[in-house]
């Protein structure tokens, strides 16, 4: 039962994220949980994920180990942000950094899949070529830039939408006032005359 620990490895990660999700749902229910418990459970789930990826057996596959070490950077960055959010709720910089680290983690998992098991078939990248390490580290930085650009575009779209919505609400309020004034005049004319 303990010969292939890969399934236990992922099951442990899923278990901690399940507990984090349950804590998140219960924290939004009428039950009174301590503030920040949802972020604390998320931070713990990320710490467990990062810890298990750091100490996984890579069997001398240097490239595989390097890819997962970079993934651990994104995981621990998200864990740190979630932990800081326990004490600093609704802090836009922490939320932005946490969101970008989650996007980085997701896109980097895709990159790992493309490197180790190319979807078009054939062998993965050369595990012994040291130039792959430098190139993939640079790619990791590009992935982070893409995550930041995605967060920035989302923020810009949200601000634009809020502005458009505010203009529409202003127009509705102005039109509603004009209709009420017109209706008041019409009613006055009917009564008077």
N, C-alpha and C. Protein backbone atom coordinates (compact mmCIF):
# COMPACT_ATOMS: atom_id res chain seq x y z
N UNK A 1 0.82 -1.20 0.00
CA UNK A 1 0.00 0.00 0.00
C UNK A 1 0.87 1.26 0.00
N UNK A 2 2.07 1.20 0.60
CA UNK A 2 2.93 2.37 0.70
C UNK A 2 4.05 2.36 -0.33
N UNK A 3 3.93 1.57 -1.39
CA UNK A 3 5.00 1.52 -2.39
C UNK A 3 4.93 2.69 -3.36
N UNK A 4 3.74 3.02 -3.85
CA UNK A 4 3.58 4.16 -4.75
C UNK A 4 2.80 5.24 -4.00
N UNK A 5 3.52 6.27 -3.57
CA UNK A 5 2.89 7.31 -2.74
C UNK A 5 2.28 8.45 -3.55
N UNK A 6 2.36 8.37 -4.88
CA UNK A 6 1.85 9.46 -5.71
C UNK A 6 0.37 9.72 -5.44
N UNK A 7 -0.43 8.65 -5.36
CA UNK A 7 -1.86 8.83 -5.13
C UNK A 7 -2.11 9.43 -3.74
N UNK A 8 -1.34 9.00 -2.75
CA UNK A 8 -1.48 9.56 -1.41
C UNK A 8 -1.05 11.02 -1.39
N UNK A 9 -0.04 11.32 -2.17
CA UNK A 9 0.48 12.69 -2.29
C UNK A 9 -0.64 13.63 -2.74
N UNK A 10 -1.28 13.28 -3.86
CA UNK A 10 -2.34 14.14 -4.38
C UNK A 10 -3.59 14.09 -3.51
N UNK A 11 -3.90 12.94 -2.93
CA UNK A 11 -5.06 12.84 -2.04
C UNK A 11 -4.90 13.74 -0.82
N UNK A 12 -3.69 13.84 -0.32
CA UNK A 12 -3.43 14.72 0.82
C UNK A 12 -3.66 16.18 0.43
N UNK A 13 -3.18 16.56 -0.74
CA UNK A 13 -3.40 17.93 -1.23
C UNK A 13 -4.89 18.20 -1.37
N UNK A 14 -5.62 17.28 -2.02
CA UNK A 14 -7.06 17.46 -2.22
C UNK A 14 -7.79 17.54 -0.89
N UNK A 15 -7.38 16.74 0.10
CA UNK A 15 -8.03 16.75 1.40
C UNK A 15 -7.90 18.12 2.06
N UNK A 16 -6.71 18.70 2.02
CA UNK A 16 -6.53 20.01 2.64
C UNK A 16 -7.29 21.11 1.89
N UNK A 17 -7.38 21.01 0.57
CA UNK A 17 -8.17 22.00 -0.17
C UNK A 17 -9.67 21.79 0.06
N UNK A 18 -10.09 20.55 0.26
CA UNK A 18 -11.48 20.27 0.61
C UNK A 18 -11.81 20.91 1.96
N UNK A 19 -10.94 20.73 2.94
CA UNK A 19 -11.15 21.35 4.25
C UNK A 19 -11.17 22.87 4.14
N UNK A 20 -10.31 23.42 3.30
CA UNK A 20 -10.30 24.87 3.08
C UNK A 20 -11.61 25.33 2.46
N UNK A 21 -12.12 24.58 1.49
CA UNK A 21 -13.39 24.94 0.86
C UNK A 21 -14.56 24.87 1.82
N UNK A 22 -14.57 23.84 2.65
CA UNK A 22 -15.64 23.71 3.65
C UNK A 22 -15.57 24.87 4.64
N UNK A 23 -14.37 25.20 5.09
CA UNK A 23 -14.20 26.33 6.00
C UNK A 23 -14.68 27.62 5.35
N UNK A 24 -14.38 27.79 4.08
CA UNK A 24 -14.80 28.99 3.35
C UNK A 24 -16.33 29.07 3.28
N UNK A 25 -16.98 27.95 2.98
CA UNK A 25 -18.44 27.95 2.90
C UNK A 25 -19.07 28.21 4.27
N UNK A 26 -18.55 27.56 5.30
CA UNK A 26 -19.12 27.73 6.64
C UNK A 26 -18.89 29.16 7.15
N UNK A 27 -17.78 29.77 6.75
CA UNK A 27 -17.51 31.14 7.21
C UNK A 27 -18.49 32.14 6.60
N UNK A 28 -19.17 31.78 5.53
CA UNK A 28 -20.18 32.65 4.93
C UNK A 28 -21.59 32.26 5.34
N UNK A 29 -21.70 31.34 6.29
CA UNK A 29 -23.00 30.91 6.78
C UNK A 29 -23.32 31.67 8.07
N UNK A 30 -24.52 31.47 8.62
CA UNK A 30 -24.87 32.15 9.87
C UNK A 30 -24.00 31.75 11.07
N UNK A 31 -23.27 30.64 10.96
CA UNK A 31 -22.39 30.24 12.06
C UNK A 31 -21.30 31.29 12.25
N UNK A 32 -20.97 31.56 13.47
CA UNK A 32 -19.97 32.59 13.76
C UNK A 32 -18.59 31.94 13.91
N UNK A 33 -17.82 31.97 12.84
CA UNK A 33 -16.43 31.50 12.87
C UNK A 33 -15.52 32.70 13.09
N UNK A 34 -14.36 32.48 13.66
CA UNK A 34 -13.43 33.61 13.83
C UNK A 34 -13.08 34.24 12.48
N UNK A 35 -13.01 35.56 12.41
CA UNK A 35 -12.64 36.21 11.15
C UNK A 35 -11.24 35.77 10.72
N UNK A 36 -11.09 35.51 9.44
CA UNK A 36 -9.79 35.13 8.90
C UNK A 36 -9.54 33.63 8.88
N UNK A 37 -10.47 32.84 9.44
CA UNK A 37 -10.26 31.40 9.47
C UNK A 37 -10.27 30.81 8.05
N UNK A 38 -11.06 31.41 7.15
CA UNK A 38 -11.09 30.94 5.77
C UNK A 38 -9.73 31.13 5.10
N UNK A 39 -9.10 32.29 5.33
CA UNK A 39 -7.78 32.54 4.73
C UNK A 39 -6.70 31.67 5.38
N UNK A 40 -6.85 31.43 6.68
CA UNK A 40 -5.88 30.57 7.37
C UNK A 40 -5.93 29.15 6.83
N UNK A 41 -7.14 28.63 6.61
CA UNK A 41 -7.25 27.27 6.07
C UNK A 41 -6.73 27.20 4.64
N UNK A 42 -6.94 28.26 3.86
CA UNK A 42 -6.38 28.31 2.50
C UNK A 42 -4.85 28.34 2.56
N UNK A 43 -4.31 29.13 3.46
CA UNK A 43 -2.86 29.19 3.61
C UNK A 43 -2.28 27.84 4.00
N UNK A 44 -2.95 27.14 4.91
CA UNK A 44 -2.48 25.81 5.31
C UNK A 44 -2.54 24.82 4.15
N UNK A 45 -3.61 24.88 3.35
CA UNK A 45 -3.72 23.98 2.20
C UNK A 45 -2.58 24.24 1.21
N UNK A 46 -2.28 25.51 0.98
CA UNK A 46 -1.19 25.85 0.07
C UNK A 46 0.17 25.42 0.65
N UNK A 47 0.35 25.59 1.95
CA UNK A 47 1.61 25.15 2.57
C UNK A 47 1.80 23.64 2.43
N UNK A 48 0.73 22.89 2.63
CA UNK A 48 0.82 21.43 2.47
C UNK A 48 1.15 21.08 1.02
N UNK A 49 0.48 21.75 0.08
CA UNK A 49 0.76 21.50 -1.34
C UNK A 49 2.22 21.79 -1.66
N UNK A 50 2.71 22.95 -1.23
CA UNK A 50 4.10 23.32 -1.50
C UNK A 50 5.09 22.38 -0.85
N UNK A 51 4.81 21.99 0.38
CA UNK A 51 5.68 21.06 1.10
C UNK A 51 5.78 19.72 0.38
N UNK A 52 4.64 19.20 -0.06
CA UNK A 52 4.65 17.91 -0.74
C UNK A 52 5.34 17.99 -2.10
N UNK A 53 5.21 19.11 -2.80
CA UNK A 53 5.92 19.26 -4.07
C UNK A 53 7.42 19.42 -3.85
N UNK A 54 7.81 20.08 -2.77
CA UNK A 54 9.24 20.27 -2.50
C UNK A 54 9.96 18.97 -2.19
N UNK A 55 9.29 18.08 -1.48
CA UNK A 55 9.96 16.86 -1.03
C UNK A 55 9.52 15.62 -1.80
N UNK A 56 9.05 15.82 -2.99
CA UNK A 56 8.67 14.72 -3.86
C UNK A 56 9.93 14.07 -4.43
N UNK A 57 9.87 12.80 -4.75
CA UNK A 57 11.02 12.09 -5.32
C UNK A 57 11.05 12.33 -6.83
N UNK A 58 12.10 13.01 -7.28
CA UNK A 58 12.24 13.31 -8.70
C UNK A 58 13.20 12.37 -9.40
N UNK A 59 13.77 11.42 -8.69
CA UNK A 59 14.65 10.38 -9.25
C UNK A 59 15.70 10.95 -10.20
N UNK A 60 16.46 11.91 -9.74
CA UNK A 60 17.55 12.51 -10.51
C UNK A 60 17.11 13.20 -11.79
N UNK A 61 15.84 13.51 -11.92
CA UNK A 61 15.35 14.25 -13.08
C UNK A 61 15.47 15.74 -12.76
N UNK A 62 16.60 16.33 -13.12
CA UNK A 62 16.90 17.71 -12.74
C UNK A 62 15.87 18.69 -13.29
N UNK A 63 15.47 18.51 -14.53
CA UNK A 63 14.51 19.41 -15.15
C UNK A 63 13.16 19.31 -14.44
N UNK A 64 12.71 18.12 -14.15
CA UNK A 64 11.45 17.90 -13.44
C UNK A 64 11.50 18.58 -12.07
N UNK A 65 12.60 18.41 -11.37
CA UNK A 65 12.76 19.02 -10.05
C UNK A 65 12.76 20.54 -10.15
N UNK A 66 13.42 21.08 -11.17
CA UNK A 66 13.47 22.53 -11.36
C UNK A 66 12.07 23.08 -11.64
N UNK A 67 11.33 22.41 -12.52
CA UNK A 67 9.97 22.85 -12.84
C UNK A 67 9.10 22.90 -11.59
N UNK A 68 9.20 21.87 -10.76
CA UNK A 68 8.37 21.82 -9.56
C UNK A 68 8.88 22.77 -8.47
N UNK A 69 10.16 23.08 -8.48
CA UNK A 69 10.68 24.09 -7.55
C UNK A 69 10.12 25.47 -7.88
N UNK A 70 10.04 25.76 -9.17
CA UNK A 70 9.43 27.03 -9.58
C UNK A 70 7.94 27.06 -9.22
N UNK A 71 7.28 25.92 -9.39
CA UNK A 71 5.87 25.83 -8.98
C UNK A 71 5.74 26.10 -7.49
N UNK A 72 6.67 25.58 -6.70
CA UNK A 72 6.63 25.80 -5.25
C UNK A 72 6.76 27.28 -4.91
N UNK A 73 7.51 28.04 -5.71
CA UNK A 73 7.62 29.48 -5.48
C UNK A 73 6.23 30.12 -5.58
N UNK A 74 5.48 29.78 -6.62
CA UNK A 74 4.13 30.32 -6.79
C UNK A 74 3.22 29.87 -5.66
N UNK A 75 3.34 28.62 -5.26
CA UNK A 75 2.49 28.08 -4.19
C UNK A 75 2.77 28.79 -2.87
N UNK A 76 4.05 28.92 -2.51
CA UNK A 76 4.40 29.56 -1.24
C UNK A 76 4.07 31.06 -1.25
N UNK A 77 4.15 31.70 -2.41
CA UNK A 77 3.75 33.11 -2.51
C UNK A 77 2.26 33.25 -2.20
N UNK A 78 1.44 32.36 -2.76
CA UNK A 78 0.01 32.38 -2.46
C UNK A 78 -0.27 32.08 -1.00
N UNK A 79 0.49 31.14 -0.42
CA UNK A 79 0.32 30.80 1.00
C UNK A 79 0.66 31.99 1.89
N UNK A 80 1.73 32.69 1.56
CA UNK A 80 2.12 33.86 2.34
C UNK A 80 1.05 34.94 2.27
N UNK A 81 0.54 35.20 1.07
CA UNK A 81 -0.51 36.22 0.92
C UNK A 81 -1.76 35.84 1.70
N UNK A 82 -2.18 34.59 1.58
CA UNK A 82 -3.38 34.14 2.31
C UNK A 82 -3.16 34.27 3.82
N UNK A 83 -1.97 33.96 4.29
CA UNK A 83 -1.67 34.08 5.72
C UNK A 83 -1.71 35.55 6.15
N UNK A 84 -1.14 36.44 5.35
CA UNK A 84 -1.18 37.87 5.68
C UNK A 84 -2.61 38.41 5.66
N UNK A 85 -3.46 37.84 4.78
CA UNK A 85 -4.85 38.28 4.72
C UNK A 85 -5.66 37.89 5.95
N UNK A 86 -5.15 36.93 6.73
CA UNK A 86 -5.80 36.60 8.01
C UNK A 86 -5.83 37.85 8.88
N UNK A 87 -4.77 38.64 8.84
CA UNK A 87 -4.63 39.81 9.70
C UNK A 87 -4.97 41.12 9.00
N UNK A 88 -4.92 41.14 7.68
CA UNK A 88 -5.20 42.35 6.90
C UNK A 88 -6.27 42.04 5.86
N UNK A 89 -7.53 42.01 6.28
CA UNK A 89 -8.63 41.68 5.36
C UNK A 89 -8.86 42.82 4.38
N UNK A 90 -9.32 42.44 3.19
CA UNK A 90 -9.69 43.40 2.14
C UNK A 90 -8.54 44.36 1.79
N UNK A 91 -7.34 43.84 1.79
CA UNK A 91 -6.16 44.62 1.41
C UNK A 91 -5.91 44.35 -0.08
N UNK A 92 -6.11 45.35 -0.91
CA UNK A 92 -6.12 45.16 -2.36
C UNK A 92 -4.79 44.64 -2.89
N UNK A 93 -3.68 45.06 -2.31
CA UNK A 93 -2.38 44.60 -2.80
C UNK A 93 -2.19 43.12 -2.48
N UNK A 94 -2.56 42.70 -1.27
CA UNK A 94 -2.46 41.28 -0.93
C UNK A 94 -3.39 40.43 -1.80
N UNK A 95 -4.61 40.93 -2.02
CA UNK A 95 -5.55 40.19 -2.86
C UNK A 95 -5.04 40.07 -4.29
N UNK A 96 -4.46 41.15 -4.80
CA UNK A 96 -3.91 41.13 -6.16
C UNK A 96 -2.74 40.15 -6.25
N UNK A 97 -1.86 40.18 -5.28
CA UNK A 97 -0.70 39.29 -5.27
C UNK A 97 -1.14 37.83 -5.14
N UNK A 98 -2.14 37.58 -4.28
CA UNK A 98 -2.64 36.20 -4.12
C UNK A 98 -3.27 35.71 -5.42
N UNK A 99 -4.08 36.56 -6.03
CA UNK A 99 -4.73 36.19 -7.29
C UNK A 99 -3.70 35.91 -8.37
N UNK A 100 -2.69 36.77 -8.48
CA UNK A 100 -1.67 36.56 -9.52
C UNK A 100 -0.86 35.30 -9.24
N UNK A 101 -0.65 34.96 -7.97
CA UNK A 101 0.10 33.73 -7.67
C UNK A 101 -0.73 32.49 -8.00
N UNK A 102 -2.06 32.58 -7.84
CA UNK A 102 -2.91 31.45 -8.24
C UNK A 102 -2.92 31.29 -9.76
N UNK A 103 -3.00 32.40 -10.48
CA UNK A 103 -2.94 32.33 -11.94
C UNK A 103 -1.60 31.77 -12.40
N UNK A 104 -0.53 32.21 -11.75
CA UNK A 104 0.80 31.70 -12.08
C UNK A 104 0.89 30.21 -11.82
N UNK A 105 0.35 29.77 -10.70
CA UNK A 105 0.37 28.34 -10.38
C UNK A 105 -0.36 27.53 -11.46
N UNK A 106 -1.52 28.02 -11.86
CA UNK A 106 -2.30 27.30 -12.88
C UNK A 106 -1.60 27.26 -14.23
N UNK A 107 -1.09 28.41 -14.68
CA UNK A 107 -0.44 28.42 -16.00
C UNK A 107 0.87 27.63 -15.96
N UNK A 108 1.55 27.65 -14.81
CA UNK A 108 2.81 26.91 -14.72
C UNK A 108 2.56 25.40 -14.72
N UNK A 109 1.46 24.95 -14.14
CA UNK A 109 1.12 23.53 -14.21
C UNK A 109 0.91 23.10 -15.66
N UNK A 110 0.30 23.96 -16.46
CA UNK A 110 0.15 23.68 -17.89
C UNK A 110 1.53 23.58 -18.55
N UNK A 111 2.41 24.53 -18.20
CA UNK A 111 3.75 24.52 -18.77
C UNK A 111 4.49 23.24 -18.41
N UNK A 112 4.36 22.80 -17.17
CA UNK A 112 5.00 21.55 -16.74
C UNK A 112 4.49 20.39 -17.59
N UNK A 113 3.19 20.36 -17.83
CA UNK A 113 2.62 19.31 -18.66
C UNK A 113 3.18 19.32 -20.07
N UNK A 114 3.33 20.51 -20.66
CA UNK A 114 3.88 20.61 -22.01
C UNK A 114 5.34 20.19 -22.07
N UNK A 115 6.09 20.48 -21.00
CA UNK A 115 7.52 20.14 -21.00
C UNK A 115 7.74 18.64 -20.77
N UNK A 116 7.05 18.08 -19.80
CA UNK A 116 7.29 16.68 -19.43
C UNK A 116 6.54 15.68 -20.30
N UNK A 117 5.37 16.06 -20.78
CA UNK A 117 4.55 15.17 -21.61
C UNK A 117 3.91 15.98 -22.73
N UNK A 118 4.66 16.30 -23.78
CA UNK A 118 4.13 17.14 -24.85
C UNK A 118 2.82 16.57 -25.41
N UNK A 119 1.80 17.41 -25.58
CA UNK A 119 0.50 16.92 -26.05
C UNK A 119 0.53 16.40 -27.49
N UNK A 120 1.52 16.81 -28.26
CA UNK A 120 1.62 16.35 -29.64
C UNK A 120 2.39 15.03 -29.73
N UNK A 121 2.74 14.47 -28.58
CA UNK A 121 3.44 13.18 -28.56
C UNK A 121 4.94 13.38 -28.57
N UNK A 122 5.63 12.29 -28.60
CA UNK A 122 7.09 12.35 -28.61
C UNK A 122 7.64 12.49 -27.21
N UNK A 123 8.95 12.50 -27.11
CA UNK A 123 9.57 12.59 -25.79
C UNK A 123 9.46 14.00 -25.21
N UNK A 124 9.58 14.09 -23.90
CA UNK A 124 9.61 15.38 -23.24
C UNK A 124 10.94 16.07 -23.50
N UNK A 125 11.16 17.18 -22.87
CA UNK A 125 12.39 17.93 -23.06
C UNK A 125 13.57 17.16 -22.48
N UNK A 126 14.76 17.48 -22.96
CA UNK A 126 15.99 16.83 -22.50
C UNK A 126 16.26 17.20 -21.04
N UNK A 127 16.24 16.19 -20.16
CA UNK A 127 16.42 16.41 -18.73
C UNK A 127 17.85 16.81 -18.38
N UNK A 128 18.80 16.56 -19.28
CA UNK A 128 20.21 16.82 -18.97
C UNK A 128 20.72 18.14 -19.53
N UNK A 129 19.95 18.81 -20.38
CA UNK A 129 20.40 20.06 -21.00
C UNK A 129 20.20 21.22 -20.02
N UNK A 130 21.31 21.79 -19.55
CA UNK A 130 21.23 22.86 -18.55
C UNK A 130 20.63 24.15 -19.11
N UNK A 131 20.69 24.35 -20.42
CA UNK A 131 20.10 25.56 -20.99
C UNK A 131 18.57 25.55 -20.84
N UNK A 132 17.99 24.35 -20.72
CA UNK A 132 16.55 24.27 -20.48
C UNK A 132 16.17 24.88 -19.13
N UNK A 133 17.05 24.74 -18.14
CA UNK A 133 16.76 25.30 -16.81
C UNK A 133 16.65 26.81 -16.86
N UNK A 134 17.61 27.44 -17.52
CA UNK A 134 17.60 28.90 -17.64
C UNK A 134 16.40 29.37 -18.45
N UNK A 135 16.15 28.69 -19.57
CA UNK A 135 15.03 29.08 -20.42
C UNK A 135 13.71 28.96 -19.66
N UNK A 136 13.53 27.87 -18.92
CA UNK A 136 12.27 27.67 -18.20
C UNK A 136 12.13 28.64 -17.03
N UNK A 137 13.23 29.03 -16.42
CA UNK A 137 13.16 30.06 -15.37
C UNK A 137 12.69 31.37 -15.98
N UNK A 138 13.19 31.69 -17.17
CA UNK A 138 12.75 32.88 -17.87
C UNK A 138 11.26 32.76 -18.24
N UNK A 139 10.85 31.58 -18.68
CA UNK A 139 9.43 31.35 -19.01
C UNK A 139 8.55 31.55 -17.78
N UNK A 140 9.04 31.12 -16.63
CA UNK A 140 8.31 31.30 -15.38
C UNK A 140 8.04 32.79 -15.13
N UNK A 141 9.05 33.62 -15.39
CA UNK A 141 8.89 35.07 -15.25
C UNK A 141 7.87 35.60 -16.25
N UNK A 142 7.87 35.07 -17.46
CA UNK A 142 6.88 35.48 -18.46
C UNK A 142 5.48 35.07 -18.03
N UNK A 143 5.37 33.88 -17.46
CA UNK A 143 4.07 33.43 -16.96
C UNK A 143 3.56 34.39 -15.87
N UNK A 144 4.48 34.84 -15.01
CA UNK A 144 4.06 35.77 -13.96
C UNK A 144 3.65 37.10 -14.55
N UNK A 145 4.37 37.56 -15.56
CA UNK A 145 3.99 38.80 -16.24
C UNK A 145 2.60 38.65 -16.85
N UNK A 146 2.33 37.49 -17.45
CA UNK A 146 1.00 37.23 -18.00
C UNK A 146 -0.08 37.22 -16.93
N UNK A 147 0.24 36.67 -15.76
CA UNK A 147 -0.72 36.66 -14.65
C UNK A 147 -1.00 38.08 -14.17
N UNK A 148 0.05 38.90 -14.06
CA UNK A 148 -0.14 40.29 -13.65
C UNK A 148 -0.94 41.07 -14.70
N UNK A 149 -0.68 40.81 -15.98
CA UNK A 149 -1.43 41.48 -17.05
C UNK A 149 -2.90 41.07 -17.00
N UNK A 150 -3.17 39.81 -16.71
CA UNK A 150 -4.55 39.34 -16.61
C UNK A 150 -5.27 40.02 -15.45
N UNK A 151 -4.60 40.12 -14.31
CA UNK A 151 -5.19 40.79 -13.14
C UNK A 151 -5.42 42.27 -13.45
N UNK A 152 -4.46 42.91 -14.10
CA UNK A 152 -4.59 44.33 -14.44
C UNK A 152 -5.73 44.55 -15.43
N UNK A 153 -5.84 43.68 -16.43
CA UNK A 153 -6.94 43.81 -17.41
C UNK A 153 -8.29 43.61 -16.73
N UNK A 154 -8.36 42.66 -15.82
CA UNK A 154 -9.60 42.42 -15.09
C UNK A 154 -9.96 43.63 -14.23
N UNK A 155 -8.97 44.22 -13.57
CA UNK A 155 -9.21 45.41 -12.75
C UNK A 155 -9.67 46.58 -13.61
N UNK A 156 -9.03 46.76 -14.77
CA UNK A 156 -9.42 47.85 -15.67
C UNK A 156 -10.84 47.64 -16.19
N UNK A 157 -11.18 46.42 -16.57
CA UNK A 157 -12.53 46.13 -17.05
C UNK A 157 -13.56 46.36 -15.94
N UNK A 158 -13.22 45.99 -14.72
CA UNK A 158 -14.13 46.19 -13.59
C UNK A 158 -14.35 47.67 -13.34
N UNK A 159 -13.27 48.45 -13.38
CA UNK A 159 -13.40 49.91 -13.17
C UNK A 159 -14.23 50.54 -14.28
N UNK A 160 -14.00 50.12 -15.51
CA UNK A 160 -14.77 50.64 -16.64
C UNK A 160 -16.24 50.31 -16.46
N UNK A 161 -16.52 49.06 -16.10
CA UNK A 161 -17.91 48.63 -15.91
C UNK A 161 -18.57 49.42 -14.79
N UNK A 162 -17.83 49.66 -13.69
CA UNK A 162 -18.38 50.45 -12.59
C UNK A 162 -18.71 51.86 -13.06
N UNK A 163 -17.84 52.44 -13.89
CA UNK A 163 -18.09 53.78 -14.42
C UNK A 163 -19.30 53.81 -15.32
N UNK A 164 -19.41 52.83 -16.20
CA UNK A 164 -20.57 52.76 -17.10
C UNK A 164 -21.84 52.54 -16.29
N UNK A 165 -21.77 51.66 -15.31
CA UNK A 165 -22.93 51.39 -14.46
C UNK A 165 -23.35 52.64 -13.70
N UNK A 166 -22.37 53.39 -13.18
CA UNK A 166 -22.69 54.63 -12.46
C UNK A 166 -23.34 55.64 -13.39
N UNK A 167 -22.86 55.74 -14.63
CA UNK A 167 -23.47 56.65 -15.59
C UNK A 167 -24.90 56.23 -15.89
N UNK A 168 -25.11 54.93 -16.08
CA UNK A 168 -26.46 54.43 -16.36
C UNK A 168 -27.39 54.69 -15.18
N UNK A 169 -26.89 54.46 -13.99
CA UNK A 169 -27.72 54.70 -12.80
C UNK A 169 -28.04 56.18 -12.67
N UNK A 170 -27.08 57.05 -12.99
CA UNK A 170 -27.33 58.48 -12.98
C UNK A 170 -28.39 58.86 -14.00
N UNK A 171 -28.32 58.28 -15.19
CA UNK A 171 -29.31 58.55 -16.23
C UNK A 171 -30.68 58.07 -15.78
N UNK A 172 -30.75 56.87 -15.19
CA UNK A 172 -32.03 56.33 -14.72
C UNK A 172 -32.61 57.23 -13.64
N UNK A 173 -31.78 57.68 -12.70
CA UNK A 173 -32.27 58.55 -11.63
C UNK A 173 -32.78 59.87 -12.19
N UNK A 174 -32.03 60.44 -13.15
CA UNK A 174 -32.43 61.71 -13.76
C UNK A 174 -33.74 61.53 -14.52
N UNK A 175 -33.82 60.47 -15.31
CA UNK A 175 -35.03 60.20 -16.08
C UNK A 175 -36.21 59.93 -15.16
N UNK A 176 -35.98 59.20 -14.10
CA UNK A 176 -37.05 58.90 -13.14
C UNK A 176 -37.57 60.18 -12.51
N UNK A 177 -36.66 61.09 -12.16
CA UNK A 177 -37.07 62.38 -11.58
C UNK A 177 -37.88 63.18 -12.59
N UNK A 178 -37.44 63.19 -13.85
CA UNK A 178 -38.18 63.91 -14.89
C UNK A 178 -39.57 63.32 -15.10
N UNK A 179 -39.66 62.00 -15.07
CA UNK A 179 -40.96 61.34 -15.24
C UNK A 179 -41.87 61.69 -14.06
N UNK A 180 -41.32 61.69 -12.86
CA UNK A 180 -42.13 62.03 -11.69
C UNK A 180 -42.61 63.47 -11.77
N UNK A 181 -41.73 64.38 -12.21
CA UNK A 181 -42.13 65.78 -12.35
C UNK A 181 -43.21 65.92 -13.41
N UNK A 182 -43.05 65.23 -14.53
CA UNK A 182 -44.05 65.29 -15.59
C UNK A 182 -45.37 64.71 -15.10
N UNK A 183 -45.31 63.57 -14.40
CA UNK A 183 -46.52 62.94 -13.89
C UNK A 183 -47.20 63.85 -12.88
N UNK A 184 -46.41 64.53 -12.07
CA UNK A 184 -46.98 65.45 -11.08
C UNK A 184 -47.69 66.60 -11.76
N UNK A 185 -47.10 67.16 -12.84
CA UNK A 185 -47.73 68.25 -13.58
C UNK A 185 -49.01 67.77 -14.25
N UNK A 186 -48.96 66.57 -14.83
CA UNK A 186 -50.13 66.03 -15.51
C UNK A 186 -51.27 65.80 -14.53
N UNK A 187 -50.95 65.27 -13.37
CA UNK A 187 -51.98 65.03 -12.36
C UNK A 187 -52.56 66.35 -11.88
N UNK A 188 -51.70 67.36 -11.73
CA UNK A 188 -52.16 68.67 -11.28
C UNK A 188 -53.12 69.28 -12.31
N UNK A 189 -52.78 69.13 -13.60
CA UNK A 189 -53.64 69.66 -14.66
C UNK A 189 -54.97 68.94 -14.70
N UNK A 190 -54.97 67.63 -14.46
CA UNK A 190 -56.22 66.86 -14.47
C UNK A 190 -57.11 67.29 -13.31
N UNK A 191 -56.53 67.51 -12.17
CA UNK A 191 -57.31 67.89 -10.98
C UNK A 191 -57.84 69.30 -11.14
N UNK A 192 -57.02 70.20 -11.67
CA UNK A 192 -57.40 71.60 -11.79
C UNK A 192 -58.32 71.83 -12.97
N UNK A 193 -58.27 70.95 -13.85
CA UNK A 193 -59.01 71.32 -14.90
C UNK A 193 -59.68 70.86 -15.96
